[in-house]
Amino acid sequence: MSSSSSDENDEIEERLDDIIEDFIDEIYDDIVEAEPIPQRTRSYTERHREGGQHQLSNDYFNDDHSTYSIQTFRRRFRMNKGLFMRIVDGLEQFFPFFQQRKDATGRWGLTALQKCTAAIRLLAYGNSADTVDEYLRLGESTALSCLHHFTDGIIQLFGDEYLRPPTAEDLQRLLDMGEKRGFPGMVGSIDCMHWEWKNCPTAWKGQYARGHGKPTIVLEAVASQDLWIWHAFFGLPGTLNDLNVLDRSPVFDDLLEGRAPSVRYMVNNHMYKLAYYLTDGIYPKWSTFIQTIALPQSPKQQLFAQVQESVRKDVERAFGVLQARFAIVKNPVRTMAKEKIGKIMRACIILHNMIVEDERDGYSMRYDISEFEEGESSKTSEVLNANPTLNEIPTILNNIFPNRNDLRDRQTHERLKNDLIENIWNKFGDED
């Protein structure tokens, strides 16, 4: 009897619990359904963008009474006003994003000057996107949109011209410049630079970070004395060293595939047909690379090491100027999309080369090569078959185009290096 009564009590308690839970659920549902759902409205800030355009025009683009001088414009925009207006006009002409249009209410939107100025300020100072809000009167998301459309436009409009391989005329000027500095056949210096990736995805950090370091992305570049960057290969993980990057680099593709002009130069009465780059010690001893001498013993070797190390700094100077002009490249990049990071780097290099071309006349005396223009007798470096005819193409294919073994010939490297040591001693030895 006692066991049956206890079972009945348990059943009663379970039923009561179920009834109470159902009752509570009904009351809760009635209360929730009775409460009105708050209507969410998108926040809007009236920024008075017309005032921003008026202020910008008065500060920099009023030809008669601009507030700031052209020197201040050059410092803040990183380029002369004429070059900046050329960029603005080109973007406004070919890209609808930079054309001023009316919105649904009939009100005029942002001008091309405001959008391009916002993009340049983000590139030049490396600040967050909302720092241009107070002056240019555009929000954070709009500023980021301006930046990415600006980089896309720069690459499409000016990439083919300002990030191109050297033409025959360019190559001849580089050869003359190298010969004047004691390195006939030299067309630039090559090295790598790392750009820190702050917001690298966690799953990729092991691939892009060395040891306990921070994730970086590698840029391989070739630069000449005037700081023009002729080759840029960007996007490989920071765990790779210069040799690993070189194995994946297209730096010699034009030469191997016959698109690059052929050259010929003489060093110490020996003829060579492959131009070369100056490098640091990590690069291999190929016929296309010339390194310094780590432990020079004789006075000739000491002079060669001194001159080589000074001339090789061209690419280091180019990296320094690129980072000084565009702080976004110097600071850790905050963008997560790797494709956008690559476009930012590419656009900065194109803008850098445009500035170099625009201001090259101001320091051309430092790179005077007029002695080679007076006559051909003093010139030992020349470009061959710049524009081959149809009859010359089979000869070029069979006799001039090098293969990978030619590029990596160590014997040619040693012979060329010894000839350069003698050439530099004959050219600069009397000065010491």
Protein backbone atom coordinates (compact mmCIF):
# COMPACT_ATOMS: atom_id res chain seq x y z
CA MET A 1 0.00 0.00 0.00
CA SER A 2 2.77 2.46 0.86
CA SER A 3 4.57 1.92 -2.47
CA SER A 4 1.40 2.51 -4.50
CA SER A 5 0.62 5.75 -2.65
CA SER A 6 4.15 7.08 -3.26
CA ASP A 7 3.79 6.33 -7.00
CA GLU A 8 0.54 8.22 -7.10
CA ASN A 9 2.16 11.22 -5.37
CA ASP A 10 5.00 11.24 -7.91
CA GLU A 11 2.58 11.23 -10.80
CA ILE A 12 0.62 14.10 -9.26
CA GLU A 13 3.80 16.15 -8.82
CA GLU A 14 4.85 15.56 -12.41
CA ARG A 15 1.44 16.63 -13.69
CA LEU A 16 1.54 19.76 -11.52
CA ASP A 17 5.01 20.61 -12.85
CA ASP A 18 3.85 20.23 -16.43
CA ILE A 19 0.79 22.38 -15.79
CA ILE A 20 2.87 25.10 -14.14
CA GLU A 21 5.45 25.11 -16.99
CA ASP A 22 2.75 25.38 -19.62
CA PHE A 23 1.10 28.21 -17.72
CA ILE A 24 4.37 30.12 -17.39
CA ASP A 25 5.16 29.66 -21.09
CA GLU A 26 1.75 31.00 -22.08
CA ILE A 27 2.13 34.06 -19.86
CA TYR A 28 5.66 34.73 -21.22
CA ASP A 29 4.51 34.43 -24.83
CA ASP A 30 1.62 36.84 -24.17
CA ILE A 31 3.98 39.40 -22.66
CA VAL A 32 6.55 39.16 -25.48
CA GLU A 33 3.92 39.36 -28.22
CA ALA A 34 2.28 42.32 -26.55
CA GLU A 35 5.53 44.37 -26.55
CA PRO A 36 6.01 46.40 -29.76
CA ILE A 37 9.19 45.73 -31.72
CA PRO A 38 11.27 48.94 -31.85
CA GLN A 39 11.72 50.19 -35.38
CA ARG A 40 15.38 50.61 -36.27
CA THR A 41 16.29 53.59 -38.39
CA ARG A 42 19.58 54.14 -40.15
CA SER A 43 21.55 56.96 -38.59
CA TYR A 44 22.34 59.90 -40.83
CA THR A 45 24.85 62.66 -40.22
CA GLU A 46 24.49 65.85 -42.20
CA ARG A 47 28.11 66.62 -43.09
CA HIS A 48 27.53 69.63 -45.38
CA ARG A 49 29.72 68.23 -48.14
CA GLU A 50 29.34 71.41 -50.16
CA GLY A 51 31.20 73.23 -47.40
CA GLY A 52 33.98 70.65 -47.55
CA GLN A 53 34.41 71.20 -51.30
CA HIS A 54 34.38 74.99 -50.82
CA GLN A 55 37.02 74.79 -48.08
CA LEU A 56 39.23 72.45 -50.14
CA SER A 57 39.05 74.72 -53.18
CA ASN A 58 39.93 77.82 -51.18
CA ASP A 59 42.84 76.09 -49.46
CA TYR A 60 44.60 74.58 -52.50
CA PHE A 61 42.82 75.03 -55.84
CA ASN A 62 41.95 78.73 -55.99
CA ASP A 63 44.50 79.88 -58.55
CA ASP A 64 44.48 83.49 -57.43
CA HIS A 65 44.06 83.33 -53.66
CA SER A 66 44.81 79.84 -52.36
CA THR A 67 45.37 79.71 -48.63
CA TYR A 68 48.40 77.40 -48.83
CA SER A 69 51.43 77.67 -51.09
CA ILE A 70 52.51 75.19 -53.76
CA GLN A 71 55.27 74.00 -51.41
CA THR A 72 52.68 73.12 -48.78
CA PHE A 73 50.60 71.37 -51.44
CA ARG A 74 53.64 69.33 -52.50
CA ARG A 75 54.35 68.30 -48.92
CA ARG A 76 50.79 67.29 -48.07
CA PHE A 77 49.81 65.69 -51.37
CA ARG A 78 53.28 64.20 -52.02
CA MET A 79 53.24 65.57 -55.60
CA ASN A 80 53.00 68.78 -57.56
CA LYS A 81 49.60 70.28 -58.25
CA GLY A 82 49.84 69.73 -62.00
CA LEU A 83 50.41 66.00 -61.59
CA PHE A 84 47.58 65.71 -59.07
CA MET A 85 45.14 67.49 -61.38
CA ARG A 86 46.21 65.20 -64.22
CA ILE A 87 45.28 62.20 -62.06
CA VAL A 88 41.96 63.76 -61.00
CA ASP A 89 40.98 64.66 -64.57
CA GLY A 90 41.82 61.16 -65.82
CA LEU A 91 39.84 59.42 -63.09
CA GLU A 92 36.88 61.76 -63.53
CA GLN A 93 36.85 61.20 -67.29
CA PHE A 94 37.01 57.40 -67.34
CA PHE A 95 35.45 56.23 -64.05
CA PRO A 96 31.83 57.03 -63.12
CA PHE A 97 32.61 56.74 -59.40
CA PHE A 98 34.64 59.97 -59.57
CA GLN A 99 32.06 61.91 -61.54
CA GLN A 100 29.91 64.27 -59.51
CA ARG A 101 26.28 63.23 -59.72
CA LYS A 102 22.98 64.13 -58.09
CA ASP A 103 21.32 61.86 -55.56
CA ALA A 104 17.64 60.94 -55.38
CA THR A 105 16.75 64.31 -53.85
CA GLY A 106 18.52 66.28 -56.57
CA ARG A 107 21.43 67.25 -54.34
CA TRP A 108 24.94 67.16 -55.77
CA GLY A 109 27.26 64.52 -54.35
CA LEU A 110 30.97 64.58 -53.59
CA THR A 111 33.34 65.98 -56.20
CA ALA A 112 36.30 64.20 -57.76
CA LEU A 113 38.63 66.54 -55.85
CA GLN A 114 37.17 65.47 -52.51
CA LYS A 115 37.36 61.77 -53.34
CA CYS A 116 40.90 61.88 -54.73
CA THR A 117 42.12 64.06 -51.87
CA ALA A 118 40.67 61.60 -49.35
CA ALA A 119 42.45 58.71 -51.07
CA ILE A 120 45.78 60.55 -51.27
CA ARG A 121 45.59 61.54 -47.60
CA LEU A 122 44.98 57.94 -46.55
CA LEU A 123 47.92 56.75 -48.67
CA ALA A 124 50.24 59.57 -47.64
CA TYR A 125 49.61 59.59 -43.90
CA GLY A 126 48.48 56.02 -43.30
CA ASN A 127 45.72 57.09 -40.91
CA SER A 128 42.35 55.49 -40.31
CA ALA A 129 39.58 56.25 -42.77
CA ASP A 130 37.56 58.53 -40.48
CA THR A 131 40.40 61.07 -40.08
CA VAL A 132 39.39 62.83 -43.32
CA ASP A 133 35.78 63.26 -42.15
CA GLU A 134 36.17 66.58 -40.38
CA TYR A 135 37.95 68.32 -43.28
CA LEU A 136 36.61 66.70 -46.46
CA ARG A 137 33.15 65.87 -45.08
CA LEU A 138 32.83 62.22 -46.03
CA GLY A 139 32.24 59.24 -43.78
CA GLU A 140 34.52 56.33 -43.00
CA SER A 141 32.93 53.84 -45.38
CA THR A 142 32.91 56.45 -48.17
CA ALA A 143 36.59 57.21 -47.57
CA LEU A 144 37.48 53.52 -47.83
CA SER A 145 35.45 53.25 -51.01
CA CYS A 146 37.33 56.25 -52.41
CA LEU A 147 40.65 54.62 -51.53
CA HIS A 148 39.92 51.32 -53.27
CA HIS A 149 38.35 52.93 -56.35
CA PHE A 150 41.35 55.27 -56.50
CA THR A 151 43.86 52.40 -56.46
CA ASP A 152 41.87 50.52 -59.11
CA GLY A 153 41.76 53.62 -61.29
CA ILE A 154 45.48 54.35 -60.93
CA ILE A 155 46.38 50.80 -61.93
CA GLN A 156 44.05 50.76 -64.94
CA LEU A 157 44.93 54.24 -66.20
CA PHE A 158 48.66 54.48 -65.54
CA GLY A 159 49.88 50.95 -64.76
CA ASP A 160 50.95 50.06 -68.30
CA GLU A 161 53.03 53.22 -68.61
CA TYR A 162 54.52 53.62 -65.14
CA LEU A 163 55.06 50.02 -64.11
CA ARG A 164 56.51 48.69 -67.34
CA PRO A 165 59.72 46.86 -68.21
CA PRO A 166 62.43 49.13 -69.64
CA THR A 167 62.06 49.98 -73.30
CA ALA A 168 65.08 50.15 -75.60
CA GLU A 169 65.45 53.87 -74.88
CA ASP A 170 65.11 53.31 -71.14
CA LEU A 171 67.60 50.46 -71.25
CA GLN A 172 70.18 52.55 -73.09
CA ARG A 173 69.85 55.31 -70.51
CA LEU A 174 70.27 52.78 -67.68
CA LEU A 175 73.35 51.31 -69.36
CA ASP A 176 74.90 54.75 -69.80
CA MET A 177 74.14 55.59 -66.19
CA GLY A 178 75.71 52.34 -64.98
CA GLU A 179 78.79 52.82 -67.15
CA LYS A 180 79.31 56.30 -65.76
CA ARG A 181 79.27 54.86 -62.24
CA GLY A 182 81.82 52.16 -63.06
CA PHE A 183 79.45 49.27 -63.84
CA PRO A 184 78.99 48.80 -67.61
CA GLY A 185 76.00 46.54 -68.25
CA MET A 186 74.33 47.28 -64.91
CA VAL A 187 70.61 48.10 -65.18
CA GLY A 188 69.68 48.52 -61.52
CA SER A 189 69.77 46.87 -58.12
CA ILE A 190 67.36 44.28 -56.75
CA ASP A 191 66.22 43.53 -53.21
CA CYS A 192 63.16 42.65 -51.10
CA MET A 193 61.09 44.59 -48.56
CA HIS A 194 58.56 43.30 -46.00
CA TRP A 195 55.22 44.99 -45.28
CA GLU A 196 53.64 44.06 -41.96
CA TRP A 197 50.10 42.65 -42.16
CA LYS A 198 48.37 43.61 -38.92
CA ASN A 199 45.02 41.94 -39.57
CA CYS A 200 46.33 38.78 -41.15
CA PRO A 201 43.79 35.95 -40.69
CA THR A 202 44.75 33.68 -37.82
CA ALA A 203 44.75 30.62 -40.04
CA TRP A 204 47.43 32.24 -42.25
CA LYS A 205 49.75 33.62 -39.57
CA GLY A 206 51.95 30.55 -39.56
CA GLN A 207 52.51 31.02 -43.28
CA TYR A 208 53.21 34.76 -43.19
CA ALA A 209 55.19 35.13 -39.92
CA ARG A 210 58.75 34.06 -39.19
CA GLY A 211 59.19 32.42 -35.80
CA HIS A 212 57.63 34.70 -33.19
CA GLY A 213 57.59 37.67 -35.55
CA LYS A 214 54.59 39.40 -37.04
CA PRO A 215 52.99 38.46 -40.37
CA THR A 216 54.46 40.25 -43.38
CA ILE A 217 54.07 40.31 -47.16
CA VAL A 218 57.14 40.50 -49.39
CA LEU A 219 57.85 43.01 -52.17
CA GLU A 220 60.67 42.30 -54.62
CA ALA A 221 61.75 45.37 -56.58
CA VAL A 222 64.37 46.59 -59.05
CA ALA A 223 65.29 50.27 -58.87
CA SER A 224 67.67 52.56 -60.75
CA GLN A 225 69.64 55.55 -59.55
CA ASP A 226 66.81 58.00 -60.19
CA LEU A 227 64.64 55.83 -57.85
CA TRP A 228 62.36 54.62 -60.64
CA ILE A 229 61.05 51.15 -59.75
CA TRP A 230 61.22 48.99 -62.90
CA HIS A 231 60.05 45.70 -61.45
CA ALA A 232 57.65 44.97 -58.59
CA PHE A 233 56.65 41.47 -57.50
CA PHE A 234 54.37 41.56 -54.44
CA GLY A 235 52.26 39.10 -52.49
CA LEU A 236 54.45 36.24 -51.28
CA PRO A 237 54.39 35.24 -47.57
CA GLY A 238 56.91 36.79 -45.21
CA THR A 239 58.38 33.41 -44.29
CA LEU A 240 60.21 33.36 -47.64
CA ASN A 241 63.69 34.83 -47.92
CA ASP A 242 65.10 36.60 -50.97
CA LEU A 243 66.16 33.34 -52.63
CA ASN A 244 62.71 31.77 -52.25
CA VAL A 245 61.14 34.92 -53.70
CA LEU A 246 63.60 34.86 -56.61
CA ASP A 247 62.60 31.29 -57.47
CA ARG A 248 59.00 32.46 -57.92
CA SER A 249 59.76 35.87 -59.42
CA PRO A 250 59.07 36.81 -63.07
CA VAL A 251 62.04 39.21 -63.12
CA PHE A 252 63.75 37.32 -65.97
CA ASP A 253 60.63 36.23 -67.88
CA ASP A 254 60.85 38.99 -70.51
CA LEU A 255 64.49 38.14 -71.15
CA LEU A 256 63.90 34.40 -71.45
CA GLU A 257 60.82 34.79 -73.65
CA GLY A 258 62.41 37.28 -76.02
CA ARG A 259 60.42 40.38 -75.15
CA ALA A 260 63.36 42.30 -73.66
CA PRO A 261 65.82 44.17 -75.93
CA SER A 262 69.24 42.55 -76.25
CA VAL A 263 72.31 44.40 -74.99
CA ARG A 264 76.03 44.29 -75.53
CA TYR A 265 78.76 45.90 -73.45
CA MET A 266 82.49 45.65 -72.93
CA VAL A 267 84.32 45.43 -69.61
CA ASN A 268 88.12 45.26 -69.47
CA ASN A 269 88.23 44.42 -73.22
CA HIS A 270 85.84 41.48 -72.76
CA MET A 271 82.44 41.43 -74.46
CA TYR A 272 79.25 40.45 -72.55
CA LYS A 273 75.64 40.11 -73.71
CA LEU A 274 73.64 39.81 -70.47
CA ALA A 275 72.86 42.83 -68.32
CA TYR A 276 73.06 42.34 -64.56
CA TYR A 277 71.73 43.65 -61.24
CA LEU A 278 73.68 44.60 -58.15
CA THR A 279 72.61 42.57 -55.10
CA ASP A 280 73.51 41.81 -51.51
CA GLY A 281 75.22 38.62 -50.38
CA ILE A 282 72.19 36.31 -50.19
CA TYR A 283 71.63 36.19 -53.95
CA PRO A 284 73.28 33.38 -55.96
CA LYS A 285 76.43 33.86 -58.05
CA TRP A 286 74.76 34.05 -61.42
CA SER A 287 75.91 35.92 -64.49
CA THR A 288 73.00 38.35 -63.95
CA PHE A 289 73.91 39.21 -60.33
CA ILE A 290 76.99 40.98 -58.96
CA GLN A 291 77.55 40.97 -55.20
CA THR A 292 80.08 42.77 -53.05
CA ILE A 293 83.19 41.15 -51.60
CA ALA A 294 82.57 40.22 -47.98
CA LEU A 295 86.22 40.26 -46.87
CA PRO A 296 88.23 42.30 -49.39
CA GLN A 297 91.98 41.72 -49.16
CA SER A 298 93.67 43.85 -51.82
CA PRO A 299 93.17 47.59 -52.46
CA LYS A 300 91.36 46.74 -55.71
CA GLN A 301 88.89 44.52 -53.89
CA GLN A 302 88.38 47.11 -51.18
CA LEU A 303 87.60 49.81 -53.74
CA PHE A 304 85.23 47.48 -55.62
CA ALA A 305 83.39 46.58 -52.40
CA GLN A 306 83.05 50.24 -51.48
CA VAL A 307 81.70 51.29 -54.87
CA GLN A 308 79.40 48.27 -55.23
CA GLU A 309 77.87 48.74 -51.80
CA SER A 310 77.25 52.44 -52.45
CA VAL A 311 75.67 51.89 -55.87
CA ARG A 312 73.57 48.95 -54.65
CA LYS A 313 71.85 51.27 -52.17
CA ASP A 314 69.64 52.60 -54.97
CA VAL A 315 66.96 50.00 -54.24
CA GLU A 316 67.23 50.66 -50.49
CA ARG A 317 66.80 54.37 -51.16
CA ALA A 318 63.78 53.61 -53.35
CA PHE A 319 62.21 51.61 -50.51
CA GLY A 320 62.88 54.44 -48.07
CA VAL A 321 61.42 57.12 -50.34
CA LEU A 322 58.39 54.95 -51.11
CA GLN A 323 57.69 54.51 -47.39
CA ALA A 324 58.33 58.19 -46.67
CA ARG A 325 55.94 59.34 -49.39
CA PHE A 326 53.21 56.86 -48.55
CA ALA A 327 53.07 56.06 -44.85
CA ILE A 328 50.43 53.41 -45.49
CA VAL A 329 53.27 51.24 -46.84
CA LYS A 330 55.41 51.96 -43.79
CA ASN A 331 52.74 51.31 -41.17
CA PRO A 332 51.18 47.88 -40.59
CA VAL A 333 48.40 47.40 -43.11
CA ARG A 334 44.96 46.96 -41.53
CA THR A 335 43.07 45.63 -44.55
CA MET A 336 42.17 41.95 -44.35
CA ALA A 337 41.66 41.35 -48.08
CA LYS A 338 44.98 40.40 -49.63
CA GLU A 339 43.85 41.45 -53.11
CA LYS A 340 43.16 44.99 -51.90
CA ILE A 341 46.55 45.09 -50.15
CA GLY A 342 48.25 44.17 -53.42
CA LYS A 343 46.40 46.93 -55.27
CA ILE A 344 47.41 49.50 -52.65
CA MET A 345 51.08 48.55 -52.99
CA ARG A 346 50.90 48.55 -56.78
CA ALA A 347 49.16 51.95 -56.86
CA CYS A 348 51.75 53.45 -54.49
CA ILE A 349 54.59 52.26 -56.75
CA ILE A 350 52.86 53.71 -59.84
CA LEU A 351 52.35 57.05 -58.07
CA HIS A 352 55.97 56.95 -56.92
CA ASN A 353 57.18 56.52 -60.51
CA MET A 354 54.87 59.30 -61.70
CA ILE A 355 56.38 61.63 -59.12
CA VAL A 356 59.90 60.58 -60.14
CA GLU A 357 59.13 61.38 -63.79
CA ASP A 358 57.49 64.68 -62.91
CA GLU A 359 60.37 65.87 -60.72
CA ARG A 360 63.28 64.18 -62.51
CA ASP A 361 64.33 67.41 -64.26
CA GLY A 362 64.87 69.04 -60.88
CA TYR A 363 67.76 66.72 -60.01
CA SER A 364 68.88 65.59 -63.47
CA MET A 365 72.31 67.17 -62.99
CA ARG A 366 73.16 64.49 -60.46
CA TYR A 367 72.73 61.84 -63.15
CA ASP A 368 74.28 63.66 -66.10
CA ILE A 369 75.11 61.25 -68.94
CA SER A 370 75.72 63.90 -71.59
CA GLU A 371 79.26 62.62 -72.15
CA PHE A 372 77.78 59.59 -73.93
CA GLU A 373 75.60 61.77 -76.15
CA GLU A 374 78.55 63.66 -77.65
CA GLY A 375 79.78 60.67 -79.64
CA GLU A 376 79.61 56.93 -79.91
CA SER A 377 83.35 56.44 -79.38
CA SER A 378 83.16 56.79 -75.59
CA LYS A 379 80.20 54.42 -75.22
CA THR A 380 80.89 50.73 -74.56
CA SER A 381 77.29 49.69 -73.79
CA GLU A 382 74.55 49.54 -76.40
CA VAL A 383 71.11 48.06 -77.02
CA LEU A 384 70.80 45.67 -79.93
CA ASN A 385 67.75 44.83 -82.07
CA ALA A 386 65.43 47.24 -80.35
CA ASN A 387 62.93 46.89 -83.23
CA PRO A 388 63.82 43.71 -85.16
CA THR A 389 62.50 43.15 -88.66
CA LEU A 390 60.86 39.93 -89.80
CA ASN A 391 64.10 38.74 -91.43
CA GLU A 392 66.05 39.27 -88.21
CA ILE A 393 63.69 37.37 -85.92
CA PRO A 394 65.00 33.83 -86.67
CA THR A 395 68.57 34.99 -86.01
CA ILE A 396 67.50 36.54 -82.75
CA LEU A 397 65.69 33.40 -81.67
CA ASN A 398 68.65 31.16 -82.42
CA ASN A 399 71.58 33.29 -81.27
CA ILE A 400 70.54 36.00 -78.84
CA PHE A 401 67.77 34.79 -76.55
CA PRO A 402 69.45 33.30 -73.45
CA ASN A 403 68.29 30.25 -71.55
CA ARG A 404 68.26 29.64 -67.83
CA ASN A 405 71.72 28.08 -67.92
CA ASP A 406 73.09 31.29 -69.40
CA LEU A 407 71.51 33.33 -66.63
CA ARG A 408 72.94 31.07 -63.94
CA ASP A 409 76.44 30.60 -65.37
CA ARG A 410 78.88 30.89 -62.46
CA GLN A 411 82.00 31.04 -64.65
CA THR A 412 80.62 34.09 -66.48
CA HIS A 413 79.82 35.62 -63.10
CA GLU A 414 83.38 35.20 -61.82
CA ARG A 415 84.91 36.51 -65.05
CA LEU A 416 82.59 39.52 -65.12
CA LYS A 417 83.25 40.31 -61.47
CA ASN A 418 87.03 40.23 -61.98
CA ASP A 419 86.69 42.49 -65.01
CA LEU A 420 84.54 44.91 -63.01
CA ILE A 421 87.15 45.00 -60.24
CA GLU A 422 89.76 46.02 -62.80
CA ASN A 423 87.41 48.50 -64.47
CA ILE A 424 86.54 50.26 -61.21
CA TRP A 425 90.21 50.39 -60.21
CA ASN A 426 91.13 51.96 -63.56
CA LYS A 427 88.24 54.43 -63.32
CA PHE A 428 88.37 55.47 -59.64
CA GLY A 429 91.72 54.20 -58.37
CA ASP A 430 93.51 57.48 -59.00
CA GLU A 431 90.95 59.35 -56.90
CA ASP A 432 91.98 57.39 -53.81
